[in-house]
PDB file of N, CA and C in Angstrom:
ATOM      1  N   MET A   1     -20.551 -11.424 -12.602  1.00  0.00           N
ATOM      2  CA  MET A   1     -19.309 -12.419 -13.776  1.00  0.00           C
ATOM      3  C   MET A   1     -20.040 -13.659 -14.018  1.00  0.00           C
ATOM      4  N   LYS A   2     -19.925 -13.763 -15.631  1.00  0.00           N
ATOM      5  CA  LYS A   2     -20.726 -14.652 -16.130  1.00  0.00           C
ATOM      6  C   LYS A   2     -20.152 -16.155 -15.692  1.00  0.00           C
ATOM      7  N   PRO A   3     -20.862 -16.829 -16.080  1.00  0.00           N
ATOM      8  CA  PRO A   3     -20.694 -18.548 -14.838  1.00  0.00           C
ATOM      9  C   PRO A   3     -19.409 -18.521 -16.744  1.00  0.00           C
ATOM     10  N   SER A   4     -18.843 -19.580 -16.211  1.00  0.00           N
ATOM     11  CA  SER A   4     -17.423 -19.843 -16.704  1.00  0.00           C
ATOM     12  C   SER A   4     -16.196 -20.763 -15.532  1.00  0.00           C
ATOM     13  N   PRO A   5     -15.406 -21.058 -16.073  1.00  0.00           N
ATOM     14  CA  PRO A   5     -14.246 -21.826 -15.420  1.00  0.00           C
ATOM     15  C   PRO A   5     -13.386 -21.110 -14.376  1.00  0.00           C
ATOM     16  N   CYS A   6     -13.492 -19.699 -15.186  1.00  0.00           N
ATOM     17  CA  CYS A   6     -12.523 -18.586 -14.153  1.00  0.00           C
ATOM     18  C   CYS A   6     -14.185 -18.454 -12.735  1.00  0.00           C
ATOM     19  N   HIS A   7     -15.143 -17.932 -13.033  1.00  0.00           N
ATOM     20  CA  HIS A   7     -15.949 -17.847 -12.291  1.00  0.00           C
ATOM     21  C   HIS A   7     -15.786 -18.907 -10.790  1.00  0.00           C
ATOM     22  N   ASP A   8     -15.305 -19.528 -11.509  1.00  0.00           N
ATOM     23  CA  ASP A   8     -15.890 -20.957 -10.955  1.00  0.00           C
ATOM     24  C   ASP A   8     -14.272 -21.166 -10.052  1.00  0.00           C
ATOM     25  N   ARG A   9     -13.146 -20.967 -10.237  1.00  0.00           N
ATOM     26  CA  ARG A   9     -11.666 -20.871  -9.792  1.00  0.00           C
ATOM     27  C   ARG A   9     -12.404 -19.837  -9.084  1.00  0.00           C
ATOM     28  N   VAL A  10     -12.528 -18.152  -8.788  1.00  0.00           N
ATOM     29  CA  VAL A  10     -12.870 -17.209  -8.114  1.00  0.00           C
ATOM     30  C   VAL A  10     -13.449 -17.488  -6.906  1.00  0.00           C
ATOM     31  N   VAL A  11     -14.737 -18.357  -7.219  1.00  0.00           N
ATOM     32  CA  VAL A  11     -15.184 -18.758  -6.039  1.00  0.00           C
ATOM     33  C   VAL A  11     -14.892 -19.637  -5.197  1.00  0.00           C
ATOM     34  N   ASP A  12     -14.069 -21.006  -5.700  1.00  0.00           N
ATOM     35  CA  ASP A  12     -13.237 -21.196  -4.920  1.00  0.00           C
ATOM     36  C   ASP A  12     -12.431 -20.870  -4.010  1.00  0.00           C
ATOM     37  N   VAL A  13     -11.603 -19.926  -4.690  1.00  0.00           N
ATOM     38  CA  VAL A  13     -10.376 -19.499  -4.102  1.00  0.00           C
ATOM     39  C   VAL A  13     -11.279 -18.373  -2.904  1.00  0.00           C
ATOM     40  N   MET A  14     -12.142 -17.701  -2.925  1.00  0.00           N
ATOM     41  CA  MET A  14     -12.721 -16.912  -2.367  1.00  0.00           C
ATOM     42  C   MET A  14     -13.370 -17.908  -0.965  1.00  0.00           C
ATOM     43  N   GLU A  15     -13.628 -18.941  -1.384  1.00  0.00           N
ATOM     44  CA  GLU A  15     -14.341 -20.114  -0.363  1.00  0.00           C
ATOM     45  C   GLU A  15     -13.179 -20.373   0.689  1.00  0.00           C
ATOM     46  N   GLU A  16     -12.050 -20.846   0.113  1.00  0.00           N
ATOM     47  CA  GLU A  16     -10.880 -21.243   0.595  1.00  0.00           C
ATOM     48  C   GLU A  16     -10.515 -20.020   1.684  1.00  0.00           C
ATOM     49  N   LEU A  17     -10.448 -18.945   0.964  1.00  0.00           N
ATOM     50  CA  LEU A  17     -10.046 -17.605   2.345  1.00  0.00           C
ATOM     51  C   LEU A  17     -11.079 -17.009   3.269  1.00  0.00           C
ATOM     52  N   LEU A  18     -12.314 -18.195   3.085  1.00  0.00           N
ATOM     53  CA  LEU A  18     -13.263 -17.531   4.218  1.00  0.00           C
ATOM     54  C   LEU A  18     -12.736 -18.952   5.482  1.00  0.00           C
ATOM     55  N   LYS A  19     -12.324 -19.650   4.944  1.00  0.00           N
ATOM     56  CA  LYS A  19     -12.077 -21.161   6.017  1.00  0.00           C
ATOM     57  C   LYS A  19     -11.304 -21.203   6.525  1.00  0.00           C
ATOM     58  N   PHE A  20     -10.061 -20.575   5.725  1.00  0.00           N
ATOM     59  CA  PHE A  20      -8.556 -20.311   6.424  1.00  0.00           C
ATOM     60  C   PHE A  20      -8.949 -18.727   7.532  1.00  0.00           C
ATOM     61  N   THR A  21      -9.517 -17.429   6.775  1.00  0.00           N
ATOM     62  CA  THR A  21      -9.967 -16.937   7.995  1.00  0.00           C
ATOM     63  C   THR A  21     -10.290 -16.931   9.286  1.00  0.00           C
ATOM     64  N   ARG A  22     -11.131 -17.820   9.155  1.00  0.00           N
ATOM     65  CA  ARG A  22     -12.334 -18.437  10.052  1.00  0.00           C
ATOM     66  C   ARG A  22     -11.353 -19.818  11.171  1.00  0.00           C
ATOM     67  N   LEU A  23     -10.121 -20.184  10.435  1.00  0.00           N
ATOM     68  CA  LEU A  23      -9.371 -21.072  11.639  1.00  0.00           C
ATOM     69  C   LEU A  23      -8.484 -20.265  12.042  1.00  0.00           C
ATOM     70  N   THR A  24      -7.755 -19.109  11.408  1.00  0.00           N
ATOM     71  CA  THR A  24      -7.018 -18.870  11.912  1.00  0.00           C
ATOM     72  C   THR A  24      -7.092 -17.319  12.551  1.00  0.00           C
ATOM     73  N   ARG A  25      -8.784 -16.784  13.095  1.00  0.00           N
ATOM     74  CA  ARG A  25      -9.334 -15.669  13.949  1.00  0.00           C
ATOM     75  C   ARG A  25      -8.845 -15.514  14.928  1.00  0.00           C
ATOM     76  N   ASP A  26      -8.754 -16.701  15.926  1.00  0.00           N
ATOM     77  CA  ASP A  26      -8.203 -16.883  17.208  1.00  0.00           C
ATOM     78  C   ASP A  26      -6.941 -16.264  17.443  1.00  0.00           C
ATOM     79  N   CYS A  27      -6.437 -16.786  16.071  1.00  0.00           N
ATOM     80  CA  CYS A  27      -4.115 -16.713  16.243  1.00  0.00           C
ATOM     81  C   CYS A  27      -3.968 -15.452  15.341  1.00  0.00           C
ATOM     82  N   ALA A  28      -4.821 -14.167  15.589  1.00  0.00           N
ATOM     83  CA  ALA A  28      -4.734 -13.229  15.004  1.00  0.00           C
ATOM     84  C   ALA A  28      -3.231 -12.332  15.387  1.00  0.00           C
ATOM     85  N   ASP A  29      -2.795 -12.574  16.819  1.00  0.00           N
ATOM     86  CA  ASP A  29      -1.841 -11.848  17.447  1.00  0.00           C
ATOM     87  C   ASP A  29      -0.904 -12.288  16.650  1.00  0.00           C
ATOM     88  N   ASP A  30      -0.889 -13.650  17.351  1.00  0.00           N
ATOM     89  CA  ASP A  30       0.160 -14.358  16.478  1.00  0.00           C
ATOM     90  C   ASP A  30       0.973 -14.156  15.278  1.00  0.00           C
ATOM     91  N   LEU A  31       0.013 -14.130  14.071  1.00  0.00           N
ATOM     92  CA  LEU A  31       0.094 -14.119  12.859  1.00  0.00           C
ATOM     93  C   LEU A  31       0.497 -12.389  12.837  1.00  0.00           C
ATOM     94  N   VAL A  32       0.240 -11.616  12.946  1.00  0.00           N
ATOM     95  CA  VAL A  32       0.291 -10.226  13.168  1.00  0.00           C
ATOM     96  C   VAL A  32       2.230  -9.718  13.926  1.00  0.00           C
ATOM     97  N   ASP A  33       2.469 -10.769  14.644  1.00  0.00           N
ATOM     98  CA  ASP A  33       3.699 -10.197  15.356  1.00  0.00           C
ATOM     99  C   ASP A  33       4.986  -9.762  14.370  1.00  0.00           C
ATOM    100  N   ARG A  34       5.503  -9.102  14.494  1.00  0.00           N
ATOM    101  CA  ARG A  34       6.809  -9.168  13.593  1.00  0.00           C
ATOM    102  C   ARG A  34       7.917  -8.602  14.625  1.00  0.00           C
ATOM    103  N   TYR A  35       9.155  -9.305  14.155  1.00  0.00           N
ATOM    104  CA  TYR A  35      10.017  -9.021  15.176  1.00  0.00           C
ATOM    105  C   TYR A  35      11.032  -7.419  15.195  1.00  0.00           C
ATOM    106  N   SER A  36      11.046  -7.588  13.480  1.00  0.00           N
ATOM    107  CA  SER A  36      11.556  -6.174  13.360  1.00  0.00           C
ATOM    108  C   SER A  36      10.661  -4.831  14.273  1.00  0.00           C
ATOM    109  N   GLU A  37       9.231  -5.221  14.443  1.00  0.00           N
ATOM    110  CA  GLU A  37       8.506  -4.039  14.850  1.00  0.00           C
ATOM    111  C   GLU A  37       8.633  -3.855  16.449  1.00  0.00           C
ATOM    112  N   ARG A  38       8.757  -5.075  17.338  1.00  0.00           N
ATOM    113  CA  ARG A  38       9.204  -5.462  18.255  1.00  0.00           C
ATOM    114  C   ARG A  38      10.427  -4.821  18.727  1.00  0.00           C
ATOM    115  N   ARG A  39      11.148  -4.931  17.684  1.00  0.00           N
ATOM    116  CA  ARG A  39      12.890  -4.774  17.830  1.00  0.00           C
ATOM    117  C   ARG A  39      13.150  -2.800  17.700  1.00  0.00           C
ATOM    118  N   GLU A  40      12.801  -2.414  17.058  1.00  0.00           N
ATOM    119  CA  GLU A  40      11.976  -1.161  16.124  1.00  0.00           C
ATOM    120  C   GLU A  40      12.209  -0.147  17.252  1.00  0.00           C
ATOM    121  N   GLY A  41      11.138  -0.662  18.577  1.00  0.00           N
ATOM    122  CA  GLY A  41      11.140   0.418  20.070  1.00  0.00           C
ATOM    123  C   GLY A  41       9.756   1.810  19.869  1.00  0.00           C
ATOM    124  N   ALA A  42       9.164   1.637  20.689  1.00  0.00           N
ATOM    125  CA  ALA A  42       8.119   2.544  20.341  1.00  0.00           C
ATOM    126  C   ALA A  42       8.359   3.793  20.095  1.00  0.00           C
ATOM    127  N   ALA A  43       9.412   4.326  20.881  1.00  0.00           N
ATOM    128  CA  ALA A  43      10.067   5.950  20.275  1.00  0.00           C
ATOM    129  C   ALA A  43       9.995   6.195  19.009  1.00  0.00           C
ATOM    130  N   ALA A  44      10.714   5.160  18.644  1.00  0.00           N
ATOM    131  CA  ALA A  44      10.839   5.198  16.743  1.00  0.00           C
ATOM    132  C   ALA A  44       9.848   4.948  15.894  1.00  0.00           C
ATOM    133  N   LEU A  45       9.108   3.904  16.272  1.00  0.00           N
ATOM    134  CA  LEU A  45       7.840   3.505  15.836  1.00  0.00           C
ATOM    135  C   LEU A  45       6.722   4.636  15.512  1.00  0.00           C
ATOM    136  N   SER A  46       6.754   5.151  16.564  1.00  0.00           N
ATOM    137  CA  SER A  46       5.794   6.622  17.132  1.00  0.00           C
ATOM    138  C   SER A  46       6.471   7.676  15.806  1.00  0.00           C
ATOM    139  N   GLN A  47       7.583   7.674  15.792  1.00  0.00           N
ATOM    140  CA  GLN A  47       8.410   8.558  14.657  1.00  0.00           C
ATOM    141  C   GLN A  47       7.858   8.369  13.285  1.00  0.00           C
ATOM    142  N   ARG A  48       8.147   6.963  12.994  1.00  0.00           N
ATOM    143  CA  ARG A  48       7.919   6.614  11.833  1.00  0.00           C
ATOM    144  C   ARG A  48       6.639   7.263  11.687  1.00  0.00           C
ATOM    145  N   VAL A  49       6.179   6.228  12.305  1.00  0.00           N
ATOM    146  CA  VAL A  49       4.189   6.483  12.171  1.00  0.00           C
ATOM    147  C   VAL A  49       3.547   7.635  12.138  1.00  0.00           C
ATOM    148  N   ASN A  50       3.713   8.245  12.635  1.00  0.00           N
ATOM    149  CA  ASN A  50       3.236   9.565  13.023  1.00  0.00           C
ATOM    150  C   ASN A  50       3.184  10.968  11.700  1.00  0.00           C
ATOM    151  N   LEU A  51       2.115  11.198  10.850  1.00  0.00           N
ATOM    152  CA  LEU A  51       1.959  11.942  10.168  1.00  0.00           C
ATOM    153  C   LEU A  51       1.924  13.581  10.859  1.00  0.00           C
ATOM    154  N   ARG A  52       3.147  14.360  10.201  1.00  0.00           N
ATOM    155  CA  ARG A  52       2.766  15.988  10.597  1.00  0.00           C
ATOM    156  C   ARG A  52       1.990  16.537   9.678  1.00  0.00           C
ATOM    157  N   SER A  53       0.766  17.247  10.097  1.00  0.00           N
ATOM    158  CA  SER A  53       0.040  18.112   9.026  1.00  0.00           C
ATOM    159  C   SER A  53       1.173  19.403   8.410  1.00  0.00           C
ATOM    160  N   ILE A  54       0.942  19.814   7.357  1.00  0.00           N
ATOM    161  CA  ILE A  54       1.255  20.523   6.778  1.00  0.00           C
ATOM    162  C   ILE A  54       0.946  22.052   6.686  1.00  0.00           C
TER     163      ILE A  54
END
């Protein structure tokens, strides 16, 4: 990417994303826990996620 204001903005956003990732790395289990998935139940989730071969 050529040097430009857009390039500078992309670099800024990537730096912020890296900082956020580092800060939240230890909290990943809490951040990806969803009520709807817990409520769905293991059997229903397994049935929805598993793909049958054709």
